[in-house]
Amino acid sequence: MIEINKTSISLTRGDSAYINFTLTGDDGQPVVLNQNDKVRCQVRDKTVSGKLIFEGSITVSGSQIVWHIRPEDTMNAEIGTYYWDAQVEYANGDVFTFVEVSRFTLLPEITLLNNG
């Protein structure tokens, strides 16, 4: 189960998630990323110098970004509240955070895969 409230995310530990973003410029038009631009979404245990919990994988197609969180990304993490943000690093070295630091809550699960 995933629930997104503005930029706060709650996800059942061990579940898959596909979170979609569209980047737009100040003029409201889509920002098209090229193959040398990098997008990162990270979940950490603290907001300042926190331990990396997971990143997942990012797929970019033009202005469309998909953050894929796989079961293995969260299945060994502790249930609780973490923090995340998202940024794009352009090939020219510019870096822009497009999702500010927000809460990421891992919820407990009952049904476990491959666990008899």
C-alpha atoms as a PDB file:
ATOM      1  CA  MET A   1       0.000   0.000   0.000  1.00  0.00           C
ATOM      2  CA  ILE A   2       1.237   3.453  -0.833  1.00  0.00           C
ATOM      3  CA  GLU A   3      -0.259   6.753   0.217  1.00  0.00           C
ATOM      4  CA  ILE A   4       1.064  10.110  -0.960  1.00  0.00           C
ATOM      5  CA  ASN A   5      -0.087  13.314   0.720  1.00  0.00           C
ATOM      6  CA  LYS A   6       1.541  16.262  -1.062  1.00  0.00           C
ATOM      7  CA  THR A   7       5.187  15.157  -0.714  1.00  0.00           C
ATOM      8  CA  SER A   8       4.838  12.859   2.318  1.00  0.00           C
ATOM      9  CA  ILE A   9       4.878   9.155   1.453  1.00  0.00           C
ATOM     10  CA  SER A  10       3.697   6.137   3.436  1.00  0.00           C
ATOM     11  CA  LEU A  11       4.587   2.726   2.031  1.00  0.00           C
ATOM     12  CA  THR A  12       4.136  -0.782   3.392  1.00  0.00           C
ATOM     13  CA  ARG A  13       7.589  -2.274   3.944  1.00  0.00           C
ATOM     14  CA  GLY A  14       8.437  -4.763   1.180  1.00  0.00           C
ATOM     15  CA  ASP A  15       5.906  -3.393  -1.309  1.00  0.00           C
ATOM     16  CA  SER A  16       6.674  -2.143  -4.803  1.00  0.00           C
ATOM     17  CA  ALA A  17       5.918   1.448  -5.740  1.00  0.00           C
ATOM     18  CA  TYR A  18       6.096   3.523  -8.909  1.00  0.00           C
ATOM     19  CA  ILE A  19       6.080   7.247  -8.162  1.00  0.00           C
ATOM     20  CA  ASN A  20       5.724   9.577 -11.148  1.00  0.00           C
ATOM     21  CA  PHE A  21       7.038  13.114 -11.485  1.00  0.00           C
ATOM     22  CA  THR A  22       6.867  15.667 -14.277  1.00  0.00           C
ATOM     23  CA  LEU A  23       9.363  18.504 -14.157  1.00  0.00           C
ATOM     24  CA  THR A  24       8.108  21.899 -15.260  1.00  0.00           C
ATOM     25  CA  GLY A  25       9.942  25.196 -15.606  1.00  0.00           C
ATOM     26  CA  ASP A  26       8.976  28.589 -14.197  1.00  0.00           C
ATOM     27  CA  ASP A  27       6.882  29.112 -17.336  1.00  0.00           C
ATOM     28  CA  GLY A  28       4.852  25.951 -16.638  1.00  0.00           C
ATOM     29  CA  GLN A  29       6.292  24.121 -19.633  1.00  0.00           C
ATOM     30  CA  PRO A  30       7.789  20.621 -19.277  1.00  0.00           C
ATOM     31  CA  VAL A  31      11.536  20.482 -18.683  1.00  0.00           C
ATOM     32  CA  VAL A  32      13.059  17.830 -20.930  1.00  0.00           C
ATOM     33  CA  LEU A  33      16.024  16.016 -19.430  1.00  0.00           C
ATOM     34  CA  ASN A  34      18.763  14.498 -21.559  1.00  0.00           C
ATOM     35  CA  GLN A  35      20.684  11.264 -21.078  1.00  0.00           C
ATOM     36  CA  ASN A  36      23.543  13.011 -19.247  1.00  0.00           C
ATOM     37  CA  ASP A  37      21.247  14.565 -16.603  1.00  0.00           C
ATOM     38  CA  LYS A  38      20.856  12.547 -13.394  1.00  0.00           C
ATOM     39  CA  VAL A  39      17.852  12.343 -11.078  1.00  0.00           C
ATOM     40  CA  ARG A  40      18.165  11.074  -7.511  1.00  0.00           C
ATOM     41  CA  CYS A  41      15.573  10.254  -4.862  1.00  0.00           C
ATOM     42  CA  GLN A  42      17.039   9.172  -1.554  1.00  0.00           C
ATOM     43  CA  VAL A  43      15.534   8.028   1.741  1.00  0.00           C
ATOM     44  CA  ARG A  44      17.635   8.650   4.860  1.00  0.00           C
ATOM     45  CA  ASP A  45      17.169   8.170   8.594  1.00  0.00           C
ATOM     46  CA  LYS A  46      17.900  11.838   9.432  1.00  0.00           C
ATOM     47  CA  THR A  47      17.685  15.081   7.512  1.00  0.00           C
ATOM     48  CA  VAL A  48      21.304  16.120   8.080  1.00  0.00           C
ATOM     49  CA  SER A  49      24.041  13.605   7.229  1.00  0.00           C
ATOM     50  CA  GLY A  50      21.636  10.723   7.737  1.00  0.00           C
ATOM     51  CA  LYS A  51      22.357   7.114   6.871  1.00  0.00           C
ATOM     52  CA  LEU A  52      21.136   6.147   3.397  1.00  0.00           C
ATOM     53  CA  ILE A  53      18.247   3.684   3.721  1.00  0.00           C
ATOM     54  CA  PHE A  54      17.620   3.248  -0.028  1.00  0.00           C
ATOM     55  CA  GLU A  55      17.405   5.021  -3.379  1.00  0.00           C
ATOM     56  CA  GLY A  56      15.403   2.737  -5.635  1.00  0.00           C
ATOM     57  CA  SER A  57      15.855   3.244  -9.359  1.00  0.00           C
ATOM     58  CA  ILE A  58      14.976   6.158 -11.611  1.00  0.00           C
ATOM     59  CA  THR A  59      13.746   6.039 -15.195  1.00  0.00           C
ATOM     60  CA  VAL A  60      13.642   9.278 -17.195  1.00  0.00           C
ATOM     61  CA  SER A  61      11.858   9.811 -20.488  1.00  0.00           C
ATOM     62  CA  GLY A  62      11.823  13.458 -21.587  1.00  0.00           C
ATOM     63  CA  SER A  63      10.146  15.345 -18.726  1.00  0.00           C
ATOM     64  CA  GLN A  64       8.659  12.182 -17.180  1.00  0.00           C
ATOM     65  CA  ILE A  65      10.439  10.661 -14.178  1.00  0.00           C
ATOM     66  CA  VAL A  66       9.490   7.367 -12.539  1.00  0.00           C
ATOM     67  CA  TRP A  67      10.922   6.399  -9.142  1.00  0.00           C
ATOM     68  CA  HIS A  68      10.677   2.620  -8.818  1.00  0.00           C
ATOM     69  CA  ILE A  69      10.905   1.309  -5.271  1.00  0.00           C
ATOM     70  CA  ARG A  70      11.434  -2.450  -5.253  1.00  0.00           C
ATOM     71  CA  PRO A  71      10.511  -4.828  -2.392  1.00  0.00           C
ATOM     72  CA  GLU A  72      14.181  -5.474  -1.641  1.00  0.00           C
ATOM     73  CA  ASP A  73      14.785  -1.739  -1.162  1.00  0.00           C
ATOM     74  CA  THR A  74      12.695  -1.665   2.024  1.00  0.00           C
ATOM     75  CA  MET A  75      12.221  -5.252   3.226  1.00  0.00           C
ATOM     76  CA  ASN A  76      15.115  -5.096   5.730  1.00  0.00           C
ATOM     77  CA  ALA A  77      14.560  -1.528   6.912  1.00  0.00           C
ATOM     78  CA  GLU A  78      13.059  -0.801  10.315  1.00  0.00           C
ATOM     79  CA  ILE A  79       9.407   0.252  10.460  1.00  0.00           C
ATOM     80  CA  GLY A  80       9.309   3.985  11.135  1.00  0.00           C
ATOM     81  CA  THR A  81       9.650   7.487   9.781  1.00  0.00           C
ATOM     82  CA  TYR A  82      12.476   8.528   7.487  1.00  0.00           C
ATOM     83  CA  TYR A  83      13.100  11.514   5.224  1.00  0.00           C
ATOM     84  CA  TRP A  84      13.447  11.894   1.478  1.00  0.00           C
ATOM     85  CA  ASP A  85      13.948  14.462  -1.231  1.00  0.00           C
ATOM     86  CA  ALA A  86      14.568  14.484  -4.979  1.00  0.00           C
ATOM     87  CA  GLN A  87      16.986  16.408  -7.131  1.00  0.00           C
ATOM     88  CA  VAL A  88      18.182  16.669 -10.677  1.00  0.00           C
ATOM     89  CA  GLU A  89      21.836  17.162 -11.538  1.00  0.00           C
ATOM     90  CA  TYR A  90      22.191  18.582 -15.007  1.00  0.00           C
ATOM     91  CA  ALA A  91      25.123  17.650 -17.234  1.00  0.00           C
ATOM     92  CA  ASN A  92      26.408  21.244 -16.917  1.00  0.00           C
ATOM     93  CA  GLY A  93      26.828  20.789 -13.122  1.00  0.00           C
ATOM     94  CA  ASP A  94      23.697  22.658 -11.976  1.00  0.00           C
ATOM     95  CA  VAL A  95      21.764  20.886  -9.204  1.00  0.00           C
ATOM     96  CA  PHE A  96      18.127  21.588  -8.353  1.00  0.00           C
ATOM     97  CA  THR A  97      16.037  19.980  -5.631  1.00  0.00           C
ATOM     98  CA  PHE A  98      12.520  19.530  -7.008  1.00  0.00           C
ATOM     99  CA  VAL A  99      11.008  17.798  -3.959  1.00  0.00           C
ATOM    100  CA  GLU A 100      11.891  19.354  -0.626  1.00  0.00           C
ATOM    101  CA  VAL A 101      12.780  17.243   2.407  1.00  0.00           C
ATOM    102  CA  SER A 102       9.634  15.301   3.293  1.00  0.00           C
ATOM    103  CA  ARG A 103       8.569  12.400   5.483  1.00  0.00           C
ATOM    104  CA  PHE A 104       8.776   8.842   4.233  1.00  0.00           C
ATOM    105  CA  THR A 105       7.045   6.367   6.538  1.00  0.00           C
ATOM    106  CA  LEU A 106       7.534   2.618   6.292  1.00  0.00           C
ATOM    107  CA  LEU A 107       4.439   0.806   7.505  1.00  0.00           C
ATOM    108  CA  PRO A 108       4.364  -2.723   8.949  1.00  0.00           C
ATOM    109  CA  GLU A 109       3.382  -5.705   6.849  1.00  0.00           C
ATOM    110  CA  ILE A 110       1.754  -8.996   7.799  1.00  0.00           C
ATOM    111  CA  THR A 111       2.160 -11.027   4.606  1.00  0.00           C
ATOM    112  CA  LEU A 112       5.804 -11.783   3.869  1.00  0.00           C
ATOM    113  CA  LEU A 113       7.166 -13.093   0.564  1.00  0.00           C
ATOM    114  CA  ASN A 114       9.209 -16.293   0.633  1.00  0.00           C
ATOM    115  CA  ASN A 115       8.705 -16.626   4.386  1.00  0.00           C
ATOM    116  CA  GLY A 116       6.533 -19.746   4.744  1.00  0.00           C
END
